[in-house]
Structures are given as C-alpha cells and as structure tokens.
PDB file of N, CA and C in Angstrom:
ATOM      1  N   MET A   1      10.795 -11.191 -11.556  1.00  0.00           N
ATOM      2  CA  MET A   1       9.667 -11.653 -10.382  1.00  0.00           C
ATOM      3  C   MET A   1       8.698 -12.386 -11.161  1.00  0.00           C
ATOM      4  N   LYS A   2       7.220 -12.483 -10.537  1.00  0.00           N
ATOM      5  CA  LYS A   2       6.338 -13.042 -11.682  1.00  0.00           C
ATOM      6  C   LYS A   2       5.423 -11.045 -10.872  1.00  0.00           C
ATOM      7  N   LYS A   3       4.863 -11.610 -12.167  1.00  0.00           N
ATOM      8  CA  LYS A   3       2.825 -11.779 -12.186  1.00  0.00           C
ATOM      9  C   LYS A   3       2.504 -11.262 -10.684  1.00  0.00           C
ATOM     10  N   PHE A   4       1.539 -10.739 -11.086  1.00  0.00           N
ATOM     11  CA  PHE A   4       0.647 -10.692  -9.591  1.00  0.00           C
ATOM     12  C   PHE A   4      -0.312 -11.864 -10.297  1.00  0.00           C
ATOM     13  N   ASP A   5      -0.969 -11.867 -11.364  1.00  0.00           N
ATOM     14  CA  ASP A   5      -2.269 -12.664 -11.262  1.00  0.00           C
ATOM     15  C   ASP A   5      -1.043 -14.503 -11.230  1.00  0.00           C
ATOM     16  N   GLU A   6       0.030 -14.020 -11.560  1.00  0.00           N
ATOM     17  CA  GLU A   6       1.101 -15.818 -11.472  1.00  0.00           C
ATOM     18  C   GLU A   6       0.919 -16.472 -10.253  1.00  0.00           C
ATOM     19  N   LEU A   7       0.294 -15.524  -8.585  1.00  0.00           N
ATOM     20  CA  LEU A   7       0.863 -15.945  -7.953  1.00  0.00           C
ATOM     21  C   LEU A   7      -0.015 -16.630  -7.188  1.00  0.00           C
ATOM     22  N   PRO A   8       0.442 -17.793  -5.982  1.00  0.00           N
ATOM     23  CA  PRO A   8      -0.476 -18.159  -5.154  1.00  0.00           C
ATOM     24  C   PRO A   8      -1.342 -17.885  -5.006  1.00  0.00           C
ATOM     25  N   LYS A   9      -2.833 -18.092  -5.216  1.00  0.00           N
ATOM     26  CA  LYS A   9      -4.189 -17.928  -4.176  1.00  0.00           C
ATOM     27  C   LYS A   9      -4.261 -16.995  -3.058  1.00  0.00           C
ATOM     28  N   ASN A  10      -3.355 -18.187  -2.152  1.00  0.00           N
ATOM     29  CA  ASN A  10      -3.140 -17.089  -0.853  1.00  0.00           C
ATOM     30  C   ASN A  10      -2.792 -16.365  -0.958  1.00  0.00           C
ATOM     31  N   VAL A  11      -1.782 -15.768  -1.297  1.00  0.00           N
ATOM     32  CA  VAL A  11      -0.981 -15.111  -1.016  1.00  0.00           C
ATOM     33  C   VAL A  11      -1.995 -13.672  -2.114  1.00  0.00           C
ATOM     34  N   LYS A  12      -1.815 -14.190  -2.852  1.00  0.00           N
ATOM     35  CA  LYS A  12      -2.914 -13.067  -3.768  1.00  0.00           C
ATOM     36  C   LYS A  12      -3.974 -12.582  -2.662  1.00  0.00           C
ATOM     37  N   LYS A  13      -4.669 -13.375  -1.886  1.00  0.00           N
ATOM     38  CA  LYS A  13      -6.217 -13.241  -0.975  1.00  0.00           C
ATOM     39  C   LYS A  13      -5.988 -11.902   0.209  1.00  0.00           C
ATOM     40  N   THR A  14      -3.813 -12.744   0.752  1.00  0.00           N
ATOM     41  CA  THR A  14      -3.509 -11.525   1.796  1.00  0.00           C
ATOM     42  C   THR A  14      -3.281 -10.490   1.250  1.00  0.00           C
ATOM     43  N   ILE A  15      -2.789 -10.069  -0.070  1.00  0.00           N
ATOM     44  CA  ILE A  15      -2.347  -8.902  -0.229  1.00  0.00           C
ATOM     45  C   ILE A  15      -3.588  -7.910  -0.537  1.00  0.00           C
ATOM     46  N   ARG A  16      -5.010  -8.539  -1.010  1.00  0.00           N
ATOM     47  CA  ARG A  16      -6.350  -8.307  -0.863  1.00  0.00           C
ATOM     48  C   ARG A  16      -6.928  -8.045   0.245  1.00  0.00           C
ATOM     49  N   TYR A  17      -6.601  -8.774   1.036  1.00  0.00           N
ATOM     50  CA  TYR A  17      -7.231  -8.129   2.476  1.00  0.00           C
ATOM     51  C   TYR A  17      -6.946  -6.797   2.937  1.00  0.00           C
ATOM     52  N   ILE A  18      -5.309  -7.300   2.799  1.00  0.00           N
ATOM     53  CA  ILE A  18      -4.521  -6.540   3.973  1.00  0.00           C
ATOM     54  C   ILE A  18      -5.003  -4.053   3.019  1.00  0.00           C
ATOM     55  N   ASN A  19      -4.723  -4.109   1.152  1.00  0.00           N
ATOM     56  CA  ASN A  19      -5.448  -3.612   0.980  1.00  0.00           C
ATOM     57  C   ASN A  19      -6.419  -3.309   1.263  1.00  0.00           C
ATOM     58  N   GLN A  20      -7.565  -3.806   1.916  1.00  0.00           N
ATOM     59  CA  GLN A  20      -9.091  -3.397   2.249  1.00  0.00           C
ATOM     60  C   GLN A  20      -9.582  -3.328   3.194  1.00  0.00           C
ATOM     61  N   ASP A  21      -8.938  -4.897   4.338  1.00  0.00           N
ATOM     62  CA  ASP A  21      -9.354  -4.471   5.698  1.00  0.00           C
ATOM     63  C   ASP A  21      -8.870  -4.362   6.991  1.00  0.00           C
ATOM     64  N   ALA A  22      -7.242  -4.507   6.486  1.00  0.00           N
ATOM     65  CA  ALA A  22      -6.094  -5.088   7.678  1.00  0.00           C
ATOM     66  C   ALA A  22      -6.234  -3.512   8.528  1.00  0.00           C
ATOM     67  N   SER A  23      -6.746  -4.534  10.129  1.00  0.00           N
ATOM     68  CA  SER A  23      -6.128  -2.579  10.585  1.00  0.00           C
ATOM     69  C   SER A  23      -4.094  -2.641  11.497  1.00  0.00           C
ATOM     70  N   PHE A  24      -3.950  -2.209  11.720  1.00  0.00           N
ATOM     71  CA  PHE A  24      -2.722  -1.169  11.896  1.00  0.00           C
ATOM     72  C   PHE A  24      -2.204  -2.825  12.785  1.00  0.00           C
ATOM     73  N   GLU A  25      -3.446  -3.134  14.096  1.00  0.00           N
ATOM     74  CA  GLU A  25      -2.529  -4.394  14.117  1.00  0.00           C
ATOM     75  C   GLU A  25      -2.158  -5.612  13.457  1.00  0.00           C
ATOM     76  N   HIS A  26      -3.605  -5.662  13.065  1.00  0.00           N
ATOM     77  CA  HIS A  26      -2.720  -6.523  11.742  1.00  0.00           C
ATOM     78  C   HIS A  26      -2.021  -6.861  10.737  1.00  0.00           C
ATOM     79  N   LEU A  27      -1.598  -5.417  10.003  1.00  0.00           N
ATOM     80  CA  LEU A  27      -0.248  -5.581   9.561  1.00  0.00           C
ATOM     81  C   LEU A  27       0.993  -5.272   9.726  1.00  0.00           C
ATOM     82  N   MET A  28       1.380  -4.898  11.632  1.00  0.00           N
ATOM     83  CA  MET A  28       2.303  -5.498  11.618  1.00  0.00           C
ATOM     84  C   MET A  28       2.650  -7.517  11.773  1.00  0.00           C
ATOM     85  N   ILE A  29       1.987  -8.050  12.303  1.00  0.00           N
ATOM     86  CA  ILE A  29       1.654  -9.589  12.471  1.00  0.00           C
ATOM     87  C   ILE A  29       2.327  -9.670  11.177  1.00  0.00           C
ATOM     88  N   PHE A  30       1.409  -9.879   9.624  1.00  0.00           N
ATOM     89  CA  PHE A  30       2.272  -9.422   8.935  1.00  0.00           C
ATOM     90  C   PHE A  30       3.319  -9.700   8.236  1.00  0.00           C
ATOM     91  N   LYS A  31       3.341  -7.950   9.392  1.00  0.00           N
ATOM     92  CA  LYS A  31       4.994  -7.741   8.405  1.00  0.00           C
ATOM     93  C   LYS A  31       5.860  -8.751   8.861  1.00  0.00           C
ATOM     94  N   HIS A  32       5.819  -8.797  10.807  1.00  0.00           N
ATOM     95  CA  HIS A  32       6.737 -10.045  11.580  1.00  0.00           C
ATOM     96  C   HIS A  32       6.625 -11.105  11.200  1.00  0.00           C
ATOM     97  N   TYR A  33       6.029 -11.766  10.265  1.00  0.00           N
ATOM     98  CA  TYR A  33       6.053 -13.139   9.746  1.00  0.00           C
ATOM     99  C   TYR A  33       5.854 -13.467   8.362  1.00  0.00           C
ATOM    100  N   LEU A  34       6.096 -12.396   7.158  1.00  0.00           N
ATOM    101  CA  LEU A  34       6.448 -11.776   6.296  1.00  0.00           C
ATOM    102  C   LEU A  34       7.884 -11.452   6.454  1.00  0.00           C
ATOM    103  N   ASN A  35       8.589 -10.486   7.371  1.00  0.00           N
ATOM    104  CA  ASN A  35       9.813 -10.873   7.602  1.00  0.00           C
ATOM    105  C   ASN A  35      10.704 -11.273   7.958  1.00  0.00           C
ATOM    106  N   LYS A  36      10.069 -12.932   8.870  1.00  0.00           N
ATOM    107  CA  LYS A  36      10.373 -13.502   9.039  1.00  0.00           C
ATOM    108  C   LYS A  36      10.866 -15.273   8.760  1.00  0.00           C
ATOM    109  N   ALA A  37       9.992 -15.302   7.288  1.00  0.00           N
ATOM    110  CA  ALA A  37       9.574 -15.965   6.663  1.00  0.00           C
ATOM    111  C   ALA A  37      11.103 -15.955   5.442  1.00  0.00           C
ATOM    112  N   ILE A  38      11.125 -14.324   5.351  1.00  0.00           N
ATOM    113  CA  ILE A  38      11.940 -13.475   4.088  1.00  0.00           C
ATOM    114  C   ILE A  38      12.962 -14.262   4.502  1.00  0.00           C
ATOM    115  N   LYS A  39      13.765 -13.421   5.570  1.00  0.00           N
ATOM    116  CA  LYS A  39      14.745 -14.450   6.063  1.00  0.00           C
ATOM    117  C   LYS A  39      15.314 -15.654   6.701  1.00  0.00           C
ATOM    118  N   ASN A  40      14.735 -16.593   6.877  1.00  0.00           N
ATOM    119  CA  ASN A  40      14.396 -17.875   7.107  1.00  0.00           C
ATOM    120  C   ASN A  40      14.844 -17.497   5.267  1.00  0.00           C
ATOM    121  N   LYS A  41      14.141 -17.996   4.195  1.00  0.00           N
ATOM    122  CA  LYS A  41      14.221 -18.315   3.257  1.00  0.00           C
ATOM    123  C   LYS A  41      15.766 -17.864   2.004  1.00  0.00           C
ATOM    124  N   LYS A  42      16.092 -16.572   2.320  1.00  0.00           N
ATOM    125  CA  LYS A  42      17.794 -16.051   2.316  1.00  0.00           C
ATOM    126  C   LYS A  42      18.346 -16.870   2.930  1.00  0.00           C
ATOM    127  N   LYS A  43      18.335 -17.493   4.089  1.00  0.00           N
ATOM    128  CA  LYS A  43      19.460 -18.676   4.878  1.00  0.00           C
ATOM    129  C   LYS A  43      19.585 -19.019   3.656  1.00  0.00           C
ATOM    130  N   ASP A  44      18.342 -19.418   3.830  1.00  0.00           N
ATOM    131  CA  ASP A  44      18.676 -21.076   2.619  1.00  0.00           C
ATOM    132  C   ASP A  44      19.265 -21.234   1.529  1.00  0.00           C
ATOM    133  N   PHE A  45      18.887 -20.072   0.729  1.00  0.00           N
ATOM    134  CA  PHE A  45      19.113 -19.650  -0.296  1.00  0.00           C
ATOM    135  C   PHE A  45      20.631 -20.149  -0.384  1.00  0.00           C
ATOM    136  N   PHE A  46      21.205 -18.684   0.803  1.00  0.00           N
ATOM    137  CA  PHE A  46      22.175 -18.611   0.571  1.00  0.00           C
ATOM    138  C   PHE A  46      23.355 -19.999   0.616  1.00  0.00           C
ATOM    139  N   LEU A  47      22.656 -20.454   2.254  1.00  0.00           N
ATOM    140  CA  LEU A  47      23.291 -21.929   2.717  1.00  0.00           C
ATOM    141  C   LEU A  47      23.586 -23.201   1.835  1.00  0.00           C
ATOM    142  N   ASN A  48      22.364 -22.867   0.625  1.00  0.00           N
ATOM    143  CA  ASN A  48      22.199 -23.728  -0.268  1.00  0.00           C
ATOM    144  C   ASN A  48      23.164 -23.367  -1.347  1.00  0.00           C
ATOM    145  N   LYS A  49      23.424 -22.436  -2.073  1.00  0.00           N
ATOM    146  CA  LYS A  49      24.229 -22.125  -2.511  1.00  0.00           C
ATOM    147  C   LYS A  49      25.791 -22.659  -2.429  1.00  0.00           C
ATOM    148  N   SER A  50      26.237 -21.698  -1.040  1.00  0.00           N
ATOM    149  CA  SER A  50      27.555 -22.258  -0.606  1.00  0.00           C
ATOM    150  C   SER A  50      27.966 -23.476  -1.130  1.00  0.00           C
ATOM    151  N   LYS A  51      27.375 -25.035  -0.594  1.00  0.00           N
ATOM    152  CA  LYS A  51      27.206 -25.993  -0.141  1.00  0.00           C
ATOM    153  C   LYS A  51      27.807 -26.381  -2.234  1.00  0.00           C
ATOM    154  N   SER A  52      26.805 -26.162  -2.445  1.00  0.00           N
ATOM    155  CA  SER A  52      27.289 -25.710  -4.843  1.00  0.00           C
ATOM    156  C   SER A  52      28.186 -26.280  -4.482  1.00  0.00           C
TER     157      SER A  52
END
C-alpha cells in the first residue's frame, strides 16, 4: 500500500478535509461514492484477471 505522501494531491486534500471540516452529511456522501468507486474498481480487477 502506498504511503500517504505518495498519494495523488486530490486524495490527500480530501482526507485532510474529512479530518478537519467535514460534516456528518458530507462524510456519508463521501462514503457512498468511495464505496461505489471501490466496488466498481474491484469488479474491473476481477474481470480483467479472469480474462488473462
């Protein structure tokens, strides 16, 4: 897993925002979209792996 310093700038900014200023409502929105993106990326990895 990458170190925090090696992550893209926009990811680091998002994490800092969550740690400092995010409301509960914003946390739930982030959670929804992050979980959806992670689920889709996992599906892509498994589909590509099975094709190889």
